[in-house]
Amino acid sequence: MRQFRGRIGEDQVVELAETFRLMSDPTRLRIILSCLDSAVAVGDIADRLGISGSLVSHHLRLLRAARLLQAERRGRQVFYAVGDEHVRSMLTDMTDHVSEEVETEVEGEPAGPDLPG
């Protein structure tokens, strides 16, 4: 298990919160997840998610600015992939986390907080 490297500055806390805010949008999260295993063209992302190319492009601009995704031009198309191994690891870890069976503190009640669903 990796250990937390200590305190982080207020600027980093704000940047981290902004990154999580960007990923909290279900469409943006689906876009990131669709680019997790390989680079994907903008049109293919739109087709996979059933949304317009212009909406995908809007979200991609935000995700790229936050360094969550990176772009690579191949001829006339632009392909997007997860920005780096940190992003991939975090998403993989969080997917594992939410997929784990929830243990209960009190019989019949989830251990975690009540989250809006």
PDB file of N, CA and C in Angstrom:
ATOM      1  N   MET A   1       0.840  -1.184   0.000  1.00  0.00           N
ATOM      2  CA  MET A   1       0.000   0.000   0.000  1.00  0.00           C
ATOM      3  C   MET A   1       0.882   1.244   0.000  1.00  0.00           C
ATOM      4  N   ARG A   2       0.534   2.176  -0.870  1.00  0.00           N
ATOM      5  CA  ARG A   2       1.295   3.429  -0.920  1.00  0.00           C
ATOM      6  C   ARG A   2       0.926   4.295   0.274  1.00  0.00           C
ATOM      7  N   GLN A   3       1.888   5.056   0.731  1.00  0.00           N
ATOM      8  CA  GLN A   3       1.646   5.954   1.854  1.00  0.00           C
ATOM      9  C   GLN A   3       1.492   7.375   1.340  1.00  0.00           C
ATOM     10  N   PHE A   4       0.657   8.134   2.029  1.00  0.00           N
ATOM     11  CA  PHE A   4       0.490   9.540   1.705  1.00  0.00           C
ATOM     12  C   PHE A   4       1.800  10.254   2.010  1.00  0.00           C
ATOM     13  N   ARG A   5       2.221  11.134   1.126  1.00  0.00           N
ATOM     14  CA  ARG A   5       3.533  11.774   1.249  1.00  0.00           C
ATOM     15  C   ARG A   5       3.569  12.983   2.172  1.00  0.00           C
ATOM     16  N   GLY A   6       2.578  13.152   2.976  1.00  0.00           N
ATOM     17  CA  GLY A   6       2.618  14.267   3.916  1.00  0.00           C
ATOM     18  C   GLY A   6       1.641  15.361   3.546  1.00  0.00           C
ATOM     19  N   ARG A   7       1.876  16.488   4.098  1.00  0.00           N
ATOM     20  CA  ARG A   7       0.975  17.630   3.902  1.00  0.00           C
ATOM     21  C   ARG A   7       1.063  18.166   2.485  1.00  0.00           C
ATOM     22  N   ILE A   8      -0.060  18.694   2.058  1.00  0.00           N
ATOM     23  CA  ILE A   8      -0.066  19.363   0.758  1.00  0.00           C
ATOM     24  C   ILE A   8      -0.522  20.796   0.991  1.00  0.00           C
ATOM     25  N   GLY A   9      -0.057  21.675   0.137  1.00  0.00           N
ATOM     26  CA  GLY A   9      -0.382  23.086   0.275  1.00  0.00           C
ATOM     27  C   GLY A   9      -1.800  23.406  -0.136  1.00  0.00           C
ATOM     28  N   GLU A  10      -2.245  24.567   0.266  1.00  0.00           N
ATOM     29  CA  GLU A  10      -3.605  25.009  -0.037  1.00  0.00           C
ATOM     30  C   GLU A  10      -3.855  25.054  -1.542  1.00  0.00           C
ATOM     31  N   ASP A  11      -2.869  25.488  -2.327  1.00  0.00           N
ATOM     32  CA  ASP A  11      -3.025  25.525  -3.782  1.00  0.00           C
ATOM     33  C   ASP A  11      -3.283  24.131  -4.343  1.00  0.00           C
ATOM     34  N   GLN A  12      -2.582  23.145  -3.800  1.00  0.00           N
ATOM     35  CA  GLN A  12      -2.785  21.761  -4.254  1.00  0.00           C
ATOM     36  C   GLN A  12      -4.150  21.228  -3.837  1.00  0.00           C
ATOM     37  N   VAL A  13      -4.609  21.620  -2.654  1.00  0.00           N
ATOM     38  CA  VAL A  13      -5.932  21.203  -2.198  1.00  0.00           C
ATOM     39  C   VAL A  13      -6.991  21.744  -3.152  1.00  0.00           C
ATOM     40  N   VAL A  14      -6.856  22.998  -3.536  1.00  0.00           N
ATOM     41  CA  VAL A  14      -7.814  23.618  -4.449  1.00  0.00           C
ATOM     42  C   VAL A  14      -7.761  22.924  -5.813  1.00  0.00           C
ATOM     43  N   GLU A  15      -6.567  22.655  -6.315  1.00  0.00           N
ATOM     44  CA  GLU A  15      -6.428  21.978  -7.604  1.00  0.00           C
ATOM     45  C   GLU A  15      -7.005  20.558  -7.547  1.00  0.00           C
ATOM     46  N   LEU A  16      -6.761  19.876  -6.457  1.00  0.00           N
ATOM     47  CA  LEU A  16      -7.296  18.526  -6.280  1.00  0.00           C
ATOM     48  C   LEU A  16      -8.825  18.552  -6.238  1.00  0.00           C
ATOM     49  N   ALA A  17      -9.386  19.498  -5.518  1.00  0.00           N
ATOM     50  CA  ALA A  17     -10.845  19.630  -5.446  1.00  0.00           C
ATOM     51  C   ALA A  17     -11.426  19.927  -6.826  1.00  0.00           C
ATOM     52  N   GLU A  18     -10.764  20.775  -7.588  1.00  0.00           N
ATOM     53  CA  GLU A  18     -11.228  21.090  -8.940  1.00  0.00           C
ATOM     54  C   GLU A  18     -11.163  19.851  -9.843  1.00  0.00           C
ATOM     55  N   THR A  19     -10.117  19.068  -9.694  1.00  0.00           N
ATOM     56  CA  THR A  19      -9.993  17.844 -10.484  1.00  0.00           C
ATOM     57  C   THR A  19     -11.128  16.877 -10.158  1.00  0.00           C
ATOM     58  N   PHE A  20     -11.404  16.692  -8.863  1.00  0.00           N
ATOM     59  CA  PHE A  20     -12.506  15.818  -8.478  1.00  0.00           C
ATOM     60  C   PHE A  20     -13.849  16.384  -8.928  1.00  0.00           C
ATOM     61  N   ARG A  21     -13.999  17.705  -8.915  1.00  0.00           N
ATOM     62  CA  ARG A  21     -15.241  18.319  -9.401  1.00  0.00           C
ATOM     63  C   ARG A  21     -15.443  18.005 -10.875  1.00  0.00           C
ATOM     64  N   LEU A  22     -14.378  18.116 -11.667  1.00  0.00           N
ATOM     65  CA  LEU A  22     -14.479  17.783 -13.092  1.00  0.00           C
ATOM     66  C   LEU A  22     -14.896  16.333 -13.295  1.00  0.00           C
ATOM     67  N   MET A  23     -14.324  15.444 -12.501  1.00  0.00           N
ATOM     68  CA  MET A  23     -14.630  14.025 -12.651  1.00  0.00           C
ATOM     69  C   MET A  23     -15.984  13.648 -12.054  1.00  0.00           C
ATOM     70  N   SER A  24     -16.600  14.535 -11.290  1.00  0.00           N
ATOM     71  CA  SER A  24     -17.885  14.215 -10.680  1.00  0.00           C
ATOM     72  C   SER A  24     -19.034  14.269 -11.675  1.00  0.00           C
ATOM     73  N   ASP A  25     -18.804  14.869 -12.834  1.00  0.00           N
ATOM     74  CA  ASP A  25     -19.828  14.904 -13.868  1.00  0.00           C
ATOM     75  C   ASP A  25     -19.877  13.526 -14.540  1.00  0.00           C
ATOM     76  N   PRO A  26     -21.033  12.847 -14.544  1.00  0.00           N
ATOM     77  CA  PRO A  26     -21.098  11.498 -15.113  1.00  0.00           C
ATOM     78  C   PRO A  26     -20.647  11.413 -16.576  1.00  0.00           C
ATOM     79  N   THR A  27     -20.967  12.403 -17.382  1.00  0.00           N
ATOM     80  CA  THR A  27     -20.542  12.375 -18.786  1.00  0.00           C
ATOM     81  C   THR A  27     -19.029  12.457 -18.885  1.00  0.00           C
ATOM     82  N   ARG A  28     -18.425  13.367 -18.142  1.00  0.00           N
ATOM     83  CA  ARG A  28     -16.961  13.475 -18.185  1.00  0.00           C
ATOM     84  C   ARG A  28     -16.302  12.203 -17.664  1.00  0.00           C
ATOM     85  N   LEU A  29     -16.866  11.625 -16.614  1.00  0.00           N
ATOM     86  CA  LEU A  29     -16.298  10.384 -16.091  1.00  0.00           C
ATOM     87  C   LEU A  29     -16.411   9.261 -17.123  1.00  0.00           C
ATOM     88  N   ARG A  30     -17.527   9.179 -17.813  1.00  0.00           N
ATOM     89  CA  ARG A  30     -17.678   8.164 -18.870  1.00  0.00           C
ATOM     90  C   ARG A  30     -16.661   8.389 -19.986  1.00  0.00           C
ATOM     91  N   ILE A  31     -16.418   9.639 -20.315  1.00  0.00           N
ATOM     92  CA  ILE A  31     -15.419   9.948 -21.347  1.00  0.00           C
ATOM     93  C   ILE A  31     -14.046   9.465 -20.899  1.00  0.00           C
ATOM     94  N   ILE A  32     -13.660   9.798 -19.681  1.00  0.00           N
ATOM     95  CA  ILE A  32     -12.355   9.367 -19.174  1.00  0.00           C
ATOM     96  C   ILE A  32     -12.263   7.845 -19.190  1.00  0.00           C
ATOM     97  N   LEU A  33     -13.290   7.183 -18.687  1.00  0.00           N
ATOM     98  CA  LEU A  33     -13.272   5.723 -18.627  1.00  0.00           C
ATOM     99  C   LEU A  33     -13.208   5.105 -20.022  1.00  0.00           C
ATOM    100  N   SER A  34     -13.815   5.747 -21.012  1.00  0.00           N
ATOM    101  CA  SER A  34     -13.768   5.197 -22.370  1.00  0.00           C
ATOM    102  C   SER A  34     -12.371   5.313 -22.968  1.00  0.00           C
ATOM    103  N   CYS A  35     -11.547   6.189 -22.415  1.00  0.00           N
ATOM    104  CA  CYS A  35     -10.175   6.391 -22.901  1.00  0.00           C
ATOM    105  C   CYS A  35      -9.140   5.703 -22.016  1.00  0.00           C
ATOM    106  N   LEU A  36      -9.589   4.904 -21.081  1.00  0.00           N
ATOM    107  CA  LEU A  36      -8.700   4.300 -20.096  1.00  0.00           C
ATOM    108  C   LEU A  36      -7.742   3.279 -20.698  1.00  0.00           C
ATOM    109  N   ASP A  37      -8.233   2.435 -21.591  1.00  0.00           N
ATOM    110  CA  ASP A  37      -7.414   1.342 -22.113  1.00  0.00           C
ATOM    111  C   ASP A  37      -6.679   1.664 -23.404  1.00  0.00           C
ATOM    112  N   SER A  38      -7.204   2.614 -24.173  1.00  0.00           N
ATOM    113  CA  SER A  38      -6.556   2.967 -25.433  1.00  0.00           C
ATOM    114  C   SER A  38      -7.045   4.334 -25.894  1.00  0.00           C
ATOM    115  N   ALA A  39      -6.299   4.913 -26.825  1.00  0.00           N
ATOM    116  CA  ALA A  39      -6.682   6.210 -27.381  1.00  0.00           C
ATOM    117  C   ALA A  39      -7.931   6.048 -28.241  1.00  0.00           C
ATOM    118  N   VAL A  40      -8.843   7.017 -28.138  1.00  0.00           N
ATOM    119  CA  VAL A  40     -10.126   6.934 -28.837  1.00  0.00           C
ATOM    120  C   VAL A  40     -10.381   8.250 -29.567  1.00  0.00           C
ATOM    121  N   ALA A  41     -10.869   8.154 -30.794  1.00  0.00           N
ATOM    122  CA  ALA A  41     -11.201   9.339 -31.589  1.00  0.00           C
ATOM    123  C   ALA A  41     -12.450  10.010 -31.036  1.00  0.00           C
ATOM    124  N   VAL A  42     -12.535  11.309 -31.218  1.00  0.00           N
ATOM    125  CA  VAL A  42     -13.659  12.093 -30.702  1.00  0.00           C
ATOM    126  C   VAL A  42     -14.988  11.521 -31.181  1.00  0.00           C
ATOM    127  N   GLY A  43     -15.096  11.215 -32.462  1.00  0.00           N
ATOM    128  CA  GLY A  43     -16.344  10.673 -33.005  1.00  0.00           C
ATOM    129  C   GLY A  43     -16.721   9.342 -32.384  1.00  0.00           C
ATOM    130  N   ASP A  44     -15.731   8.521 -32.106  1.00  0.00           N
ATOM    131  CA  ASP A  44     -15.998   7.224 -31.476  1.00  0.00           C
ATOM    132  C   ASP A  44     -16.480   7.399 -30.038  1.00  0.00           C
ATOM    133  N   ILE A  45     -15.919   8.383 -29.334  1.00  0.00           N
ATOM    134  CA  ILE A  45     -16.390   8.673 -27.970  1.00  0.00           C
ATOM    135  C   ILE A  45     -17.854   9.086 -28.023  1.00  0.00           C
ATOM    136  N   ALA A  46     -18.184   9.979 -28.950  1.00  0.00           N
ATOM    137  CA  ALA A  46     -19.565  10.447 -29.090  1.00  0.00           C
ATOM    138  C   ALA A  46     -20.499   9.275 -29.389  1.00  0.00           C
ATOM    139  N   ASP A  47     -20.091   8.394 -30.301  1.00  0.00           N
ATOM    140  CA  ASP A  47     -20.917   7.233 -30.640  1.00  0.00           C
ATOM    141  C   ASP A  47     -21.112   6.304 -29.450  1.00  0.00           C
ATOM    142  N   ARG A  48     -20.020   6.026 -28.731  1.00  0.00           N
ATOM    143  CA  ARG A  48     -20.093   5.127 -27.570  1.00  0.00           C
ATOM    144  C   ARG A  48     -21.034   5.647 -26.502  1.00  0.00           C
ATOM    145  N   LEU A  49     -20.999   6.974 -26.293  1.00  0.00           N
ATOM    146  CA  LEU A  49     -21.789   7.566 -25.215  1.00  0.00           C
ATOM    147  C   LEU A  49     -23.159   8.062 -25.675  1.00  0.00           C
ATOM    148  N   GLY A  50     -23.371   8.082 -26.993  1.00  0.00           N
ATOM    149  CA  GLY A  50     -24.656   8.537 -27.514  1.00  0.00           C
ATOM    150  C   GLY A  50     -24.908  10.017 -27.315  1.00  0.00           C
ATOM    151  N   ILE A  51     -23.842  10.828 -27.424  1.00  0.00           N
ATOM    152  CA  ILE A  51     -23.982  12.282 -27.290  1.00  0.00           C
ATOM    153  C   ILE A  51     -23.323  12.954 -28.494  1.00  0.00           C
ATOM    154  N   SER A  52     -23.579  14.220 -28.662  1.00  0.00           N
ATOM    155  CA  SER A  52     -23.073  14.938 -29.837  1.00  0.00           C
ATOM    156  C   SER A  52     -21.558  15.138 -29.755  1.00  0.00           C
ATOM    157  N   GLY A  53     -20.957  15.231 -30.932  1.00  0.00           N
ATOM    158  CA  GLY A  53     -19.527  15.493 -31.012  1.00  0.00           C
ATOM    159  C   GLY A  53     -19.156  16.823 -30.398  1.00  0.00           C
ATOM    160  N   SER A  54     -20.026  17.822 -30.537  1.00  0.00           N
ATOM    161  CA  SER A  54     -19.706  19.136 -29.971  1.00  0.00           C
ATOM    162  C   SER A  54     -19.719  19.089 -28.441  1.00  0.00           C
ATOM    163  N   LEU A  55     -20.637  18.309 -27.861  1.00  0.00           N
ATOM    164  CA  LEU A  55     -20.656  18.179 -26.403  1.00  0.00           C
ATOM    165  C   LEU A  55     -19.421  17.416 -25.926  1.00  0.00           C
ATOM    166  N   VAL A  56     -19.050  16.367 -26.650  1.00  0.00           N
ATOM    167  CA  VAL A  56     -17.832  15.626 -26.311  1.00  0.00           C
ATOM    168  C   VAL A  56     -16.632  16.562 -26.369  1.00  0.00           C
ATOM    169  N   SER A  57     -16.528  17.350 -27.428  1.00  0.00           N
ATOM    170  CA  SER A  57     -15.403  18.276 -27.584  1.00  0.00           C
ATOM    171  C   SER A  57     -15.331  19.276 -26.433  1.00  0.00           C
ATOM    172  N   HIS A  58     -16.482  19.759 -25.996  1.00  0.00           N
ATOM    173  CA  HIS A  58     -16.522  20.688 -24.851  1.00  0.00           C
ATOM    174  C   HIS A  58     -15.922  20.019 -23.607  1.00  0.00           C
ATOM    175  N   HIS A  59     -16.390  18.816 -23.306  1.00  0.00           N
ATOM    176  CA  HIS A  59     -15.882  18.102 -22.137  1.00  0.00           C
ATOM    177  C   HIS A  59     -14.401  17.765 -22.293  1.00  0.00           C
ATOM    178  N   LEU A  60     -13.984  17.376 -23.492  1.00  0.00           N
ATOM    179  CA  LEU A  60     -12.579  17.030 -23.732  1.00  0.00           C
ATOM    180  C   LEU A  60     -11.659  18.215 -23.477  1.00  0.00           C
ATOM    181  N   ARG A  61     -12.092  19.410 -23.851  1.00  0.00           N
ATOM    182  CA  ARG A  61     -11.278  20.611 -23.584  1.00  0.00           C
ATOM    183  C   ARG A  61     -11.019  20.764 -22.092  1.00  0.00           C
ATOM    184  N   LEU A  62     -12.057  20.578 -21.286  1.00  0.00           N
ATOM    185  CA  LEU A  62     -11.919  20.705 -19.834  1.00  0.00           C
ATOM    186  C   LEU A  62     -11.009  19.616 -19.267  1.00  0.00           C
ATOM    187  N   LEU A  63     -11.206  18.392 -19.729  1.00  0.00           N
ATOM    188  CA  LEU A  63     -10.419  17.263 -19.218  1.00  0.00           C
ATOM    189  C   LEU A  63      -8.959  17.363 -19.635  1.00  0.00           C
ATOM    190  N   ARG A  64      -8.733  17.864 -20.815  1.00  0.00           N
ATOM    191  CA  ARG A  64      -7.358  18.039 -21.287  1.00  0.00           C
ATOM    192  C   ARG A  64      -6.662  19.159 -20.507  1.00  0.00           C
ATOM    193  N   ALA A  65      -7.386  20.236 -20.240  1.00  0.00           N
ATOM    194  CA  ALA A  65      -6.814  21.356 -19.479  1.00  0.00           C
ATOM    195  C   ALA A  65      -6.428  20.912 -18.071  1.00  0.00           C
ATOM    196  N   ALA A  66      -7.166  19.955 -17.517  1.00  0.00           N
ATOM    197  CA  ALA A  66      -6.867  19.437 -16.183  1.00  0.00           C
ATOM    198  C   ALA A  66      -5.837  18.310 -16.229  1.00  0.00           C
ATOM    199  N   ARG A  67      -5.321  18.006 -17.387  1.00  0.00           N
ATOM    200  CA  ARG A  67      -4.313  16.964 -17.614  1.00  0.00           C
ATOM    201  C   ARG A  67      -4.826  15.567 -17.285  1.00  0.00           C
ATOM    202  N   LEU A  68      -6.147  15.395 -17.334  1.00  0.00           N
ATOM    203  CA  LEU A  68      -6.718  14.074 -17.124  1.00  0.00           C
ATOM    204  C   LEU A  68      -6.668  13.250 -18.409  1.00  0.00           C
ATOM    205  N   LEU A  69      -6.735  13.936 -19.535  1.00  0.00           N
ATOM    206  CA  LEU A  69      -6.614  13.298 -20.845  1.00  0.00           C
ATOM    207  C   LEU A  69      -5.554  14.018 -21.656  1.00  0.00           C
ATOM    208  N   GLN A  70      -4.974  13.302 -22.589  1.00  0.00           N
ATOM    209  CA  GLN A  70      -4.031  13.919 -23.523  1.00  0.00           C
ATOM    210  C   GLN A  70      -4.514  13.623 -24.937  1.00  0.00           C
ATOM    211  N   ALA A  71      -4.178  14.516 -25.849  1.00  0.00           N
ATOM    212  CA  ALA A  71      -4.622  14.400 -27.238  1.00  0.00           C
ATOM    213  C   ALA A  71      -3.442  14.098 -28.149  1.00  0.00           C
ATOM    214  N   GLU A  72      -3.742  13.349 -29.199  1.00  0.00           N
ATOM    215  CA  GLU A  72      -2.741  13.051 -30.218  1.00  0.00           C
ATOM    216  C   GLU A  72      -3.420  13.114 -31.580  1.00  0.00           C
ATOM    217  N   ARG A  73      -2.891  13.965 -32.446  1.00  0.00           N
ATOM    218  CA  ARG A  73      -3.454  14.075 -33.792  1.00  0.00           C
ATOM    219  C   ARG A  73      -2.873  12.974 -34.665  1.00  0.00           C
ATOM    220  N   ARG A  74      -3.765  12.281 -35.360  1.00  0.00           N
ATOM    221  CA  ARG A  74      -3.379  11.261 -36.336  1.00  0.00           C
ATOM    222  C   ARG A  74      -4.124  11.574 -37.621  1.00  0.00           C
ATOM    223  N   GLY A  75      -3.415  12.193 -38.539  1.00  0.00           N
ATOM    224  CA  GLY A  75      -4.073  12.632 -39.770  1.00  0.00           C
ATOM    225  C   GLY A  75      -5.089  13.705 -39.460  1.00  0.00           C
ATOM    226  N   ARG A  76      -6.334  13.464 -39.855  1.00  0.00           N
ATOM    227  CA  ARG A  76      -7.387  14.446 -39.646  1.00  0.00           C
ATOM    228  C   ARG A  76      -8.133  14.239 -38.334  1.00  0.00           C
ATOM    229  N   GLN A  77      -7.837  13.170 -37.630  1.00  0.00           N
ATOM    230  CA  GLN A  77      -8.544  12.881 -36.386  1.00  0.00           C
ATOM    231  C   GLN A  77      -7.670  13.150 -35.166  1.00  0.00           C
ATOM    232  N   VAL A  78      -8.342  13.471 -34.070  1.00  0.00           N
ATOM    233  CA  VAL A  78      -7.665  13.633 -32.788  1.00  0.00           C
ATOM    234  C   VAL A  78      -8.126  12.500 -31.890  1.00  0.00           C
ATOM    235  N   PHE A  79      -7.147  11.821 -31.291  1.00  0.00           N
ATOM    236  CA  PHE A  79      -7.414  10.714 -30.382  1.00  0.00           C
ATOM    237  C   PHE A  79      -7.078  11.142 -28.967  1.00  0.00           C
ATOM    238  N   TYR A  80      -7.884  10.680 -28.023  1.00  0.00           N
ATOM    239  CA  TYR A  80      -7.686  11.025 -26.617  1.00  0.00           C
ATOM    240  C   TYR A  80      -7.412   9.768 -25.811  1.00  0.00           C
ATOM    241  N   ALA A  81      -6.499   9.903 -24.854  1.00  0.00           N
ATOM    242  CA  ALA A  81      -6.150   8.811 -23.946  1.00  0.00           C
ATOM    243  C   ALA A  81      -5.960   9.394 -22.556  1.00  0.00           C
ATOM    244  N   VAL A  82      -6.035   8.522 -21.551  1.00  0.00           N
ATOM    245  CA  VAL A  82      -5.809   8.948 -20.168  1.00  0.00           C
ATOM    246  C   VAL A  82      -4.425   9.579 -20.083  1.00  0.00           C
ATOM    247  N   GLY A  83      -4.347  10.698 -19.354  1.00  0.00           N
ATOM    248  CA  GLY A  83      -3.152  11.531 -19.315  1.00  0.00           C
ATOM    249  C   GLY A  83      -1.887  10.867 -18.818  1.00  0.00           C
ATOM    250  N   ASP A  84      -1.974  10.063 -17.784  1.00  0.00           N
ATOM    251  CA  ASP A  84      -0.780   9.404 -17.263  1.00  0.00           C
ATOM    252  C   ASP A  84      -1.173   8.260 -16.340  1.00  0.00           C
ATOM    253  N   GLU A  85      -0.173   7.571 -15.855  1.00  0.00           N
ATOM    254  CA  GLU A  85      -0.419   6.394 -15.017  1.00  0.00           C
ATOM    255  C   GLU A  85      -1.081   6.754 -13.691  1.00  0.00           C
ATOM    256  N   HIS A  86      -0.857   7.973 -13.177  1.00  0.00           N
ATOM    257  CA  HIS A  86      -1.514   8.379 -11.924  1.00  0.00           C
ATOM    258  C   HIS A  86      -3.032   8.382 -12.087  1.00  0.00           C
ATOM    259  N   VAL A  87      -3.486   8.932 -13.195  1.00  0.00           N
ATOM    260  CA  VAL A  87      -4.929   9.000 -13.460  1.00  0.00           C
ATOM    261  C   VAL A  87      -5.487   7.588 -13.618  1.00  0.00           C
ATOM    262  N   ARG A  88      -4.804   6.770 -14.392  1.00  0.00           N
ATOM    263  CA  ARG A  88      -5.232   5.381 -14.615  1.00  0.00           C
ATOM    264  C   ARG A  88      -5.300   4.620 -13.280  1.00  0.00           C
ATOM    265  N   SER A  89      -4.275   4.741 -12.457  1.00  0.00           N
ATOM    266  CA  SER A  89      -4.244   4.048 -11.162  1.00  0.00           C
ATOM    267  C   SER A  89      -5.369   4.516 -10.249  1.00  0.00           C
ATOM    268  N   MET A  90      -5.583   5.821 -10.199  1.00  0.00           N
ATOM    269  CA  MET A  90      -6.618   6.365  -9.331  1.00  0.00           C
ATOM    270  C   MET A  90      -7.990   5.854  -9.757  1.00  0.00           C
ATOM    271  N   LEU A  91      -8.268   5.859 -11.052  1.00  0.00           N
ATOM    272  CA  LEU A  91      -9.572   5.396 -11.526  1.00  0.00           C
ATOM    273  C   LEU A  91      -9.745   3.894 -11.311  1.00  0.00           C
ATOM    274  N   THR A  92      -8.680   3.153 -11.524  1.00  0.00           N
ATOM    275  CA  THR A  92      -8.739   1.710 -11.290  1.00  0.00           C
ATOM    276  C   THR A  92      -8.983   1.427  -9.809  1.00  0.00           C
ATOM    277  N   ASP A  93      -8.249   2.125  -8.948  1.00  0.00           N
ATOM    278  CA  ASP A  93      -8.426   1.939  -7.500  1.00  0.00           C
ATOM    279  C   ASP A  93      -9.841   2.323  -7.053  1.00  0.00           C
ATOM    280  N   MET A  94     -10.351   3.437  -7.560  1.00  0.00           N
ATOM    281  CA  MET A  94     -11.686   3.886  -7.160  1.00  0.00           C
ATOM    282  C   MET A  94     -12.765   2.954  -7.703  1.00  0.00           C
ATOM    283  N   THR A  95     -12.562   2.403  -8.903  1.00  0.00           N
ATOM    284  CA  THR A  95     -13.514   1.434  -9.451  1.00  0.00           C
ATOM    285  C   THR A  95     -13.533   0.187  -8.575  1.00  0.00           C
ATOM    286  N   ASP A  96     -12.348  -0.275  -8.176  1.00  0.00           N
ATOM    287  CA  ASP A  96     -12.272  -1.412  -7.255  1.00  0.00           C
ATOM    288  C   ASP A  96     -12.967  -1.081  -5.937  1.00  0.00           C
ATOM    289  N   HIS A  97     -12.741   0.127  -5.448  1.00  0.00           N
ATOM    290  CA  HIS A  97     -13.320   0.551  -4.173  1.00  0.00           C
ATOM    291  C   HIS A  97     -14.852   0.500  -4.209  1.00  0.00           C
ATOM    292  N   VAL A  98     -15.454   1.088  -5.239  1.00  0.00           N
ATOM    293  CA  VAL A  98     -16.916   1.128  -5.289  1.00  0.00           C
ATOM    294  C   VAL A  98     -17.516  -0.232  -5.628  1.00  0.00           C
ATOM    295  N   SER A  99     -16.704  -1.139  -6.165  1.00  0.00           N
ATOM    296  CA  SER A  99     -17.178  -2.477  -6.509  1.00  0.00           C
ATOM    297  C   SER A  99     -17.115  -3.453  -5.337  1.00  0.00           C
ATOM    298  N   GLU A 100     -16.353  -3.092  -4.286  1.00  0.00           N
ATOM    299  CA  GLU A 100     -16.228  -3.967  -3.125  1.00  0.00           C
ATOM    300  C   GLU A 100     -17.552  -4.100  -2.406  1.00  0.00           C
ATOM    301  N   GLU A 101     -17.748  -5.251  -1.823  1.00  0.00           N
ATOM    302  CA  GLU A 101     -18.944  -5.454  -1.027  1.00  0.00           C
ATOM    303  C   GLU A 101     -18.839  -4.579   0.218  1.00  0.00           C
ATOM    304  N   VAL A 102     -19.906  -3.895   0.535  1.00  0.00           N
ATOM    305  CA  VAL A 102     -19.921  -2.996   1.683  1.00  0.00           C
ATOM    306  C   VAL A 102     -20.108  -3.798   2.957  1.00  0.00           C
ATOM    307  N   GLU A 103     -19.204  -3.592   3.923  1.00  0.00           N
ATOM    308  CA  GLU A 103     -19.367  -4.205   5.238  1.00  0.00           C
ATOM    309  C   GLU A 103     -20.336  -3.345   6.033  1.00  0.00           C
ATOM    310  N   THR A 104     -20.987  -3.934   6.979  1.00  0.00           N
ATOM    311  CA  THR A 104     -21.952  -3.164   7.768  1.00  0.00           C
ATOM    312  C   THR A 104     -21.468  -2.990   9.193  1.00  0.00           C
ATOM    313  N   GLU A 105     -21.775  -1.812   9.746  1.00  0.00           N
ATOM    314  CA  GLU A 105     -21.487  -1.545  11.160  1.00  0.00           C
ATOM    315  C   GLU A 105     -22.611  -2.104  12.015  1.00  0.00           C
ATOM    316  N   VAL A 106     -23.819  -1.780  11.626  1.00  0.00           N
ATOM    317  CA  VAL A 106     -25.011  -2.256  12.317  1.00  0.00           C
ATOM    318  C   VAL A 106     -25.746  -3.133  11.312  1.00  0.00           C
ATOM    319  N   GLU A 107     -26.183  -4.266  11.764  1.00  0.00           N
ATOM    320  CA  GLU A 107     -26.835  -5.209  10.866  1.00  0.00           C
ATOM    321  C   GLU A 107     -27.910  -4.519  10.038  1.00  0.00           C
ATOM    322  N   GLY A 108     -27.781  -4.659   8.712  1.00  0.00           N
ATOM    323  CA  GLY A 108     -28.772  -4.090   7.802  1.00  0.00           C
ATOM    324  C   GLY A 108     -28.505  -2.665   7.377  1.00  0.00           C
ATOM    325  N   GLU A 109     -27.513  -1.996   7.960  1.00  0.00           N
ATOM    326  CA  GLU A 109     -27.220  -0.621   7.591  1.00  0.00           C
ATOM    327  C   GLU A 109     -25.819  -0.539   7.003  1.00  0.00           C
ATOM    328  N   PRO A 110     -25.667   0.174   5.865  1.00  0.00           N
ATOM    329  CA  PRO A 110     -24.328   0.315   5.270  1.00  0.00           C
ATOM    330  C   PRO A 110     -23.381   1.048   6.220  1.00  0.00           C
ATOM    331  N   ALA A 111     -22.091   0.710   6.135  1.00  0.00           N
ATOM    332  CA  ALA A 111     -21.088   1.344   6.987  1.00  0.00           C
ATOM    333  C   ALA A 111     -20.799   2.772   6.565  1.00  0.00           C
ATOM    334  N   GLY A 112     -20.924   3.069   5.279  1.00  0.00           N
ATOM    335  CA  GLY A 112     -20.570   4.384   4.761  1.00  0.00           C
ATOM    336  C   GLY A 112     -21.662   5.410   4.990  1.00  0.00           C
ATOM    337  N   PRO A 113     -21.370   6.656   4.619  1.00  0.00           N
ATOM    338  CA  PRO A 113     -22.354   7.731   4.783  1.00  0.00           C
ATOM    339  C   PRO A 113     -23.494   7.564   3.792  1.00  0.00           C
ATOM    340  N   ASP A 114     -24.650   8.140   4.117  1.00  0.00           N
ATOM    341  CA  ASP A 114     -25.757   8.165   3.172  1.00  0.00           C
ATOM    342  C   ASP A 114     -25.410   9.127   2.062  1.00  0.00           C
ATOM    343  N   LEU A 115     -25.280   8.629   0.856  1.00  0.00           N
ATOM    344  CA  LEU A 115     -24.955   9.470  -0.279  1.00  0.00           C
ATOM    345  C   LEU A 115     -26.181   9.645  -1.149  1.00  0.00           C
ATOM    346  N   PRO A 116     -26.358  10.845  -1.702  1.00  0.00           N
ATOM    347  CA  PRO A 116     -27.503  11.030  -2.595  1.00  0.00           C
ATOM    348  C   PRO A 116     -27.337  10.122  -3.803  1.00  0.00           C
ATOM    349  N   GLY A 117     -28.368   9.532  -4.273  1.00  0.00           N
ATOM    350  CA  GLY A 117     -28.248   8.578  -5.353  1.00  0.00           C
ATOM    351  C   GLY A 117     -29.104   8.871  -6.473  1.00  0.00           C
TER     352      GLY A 117
END
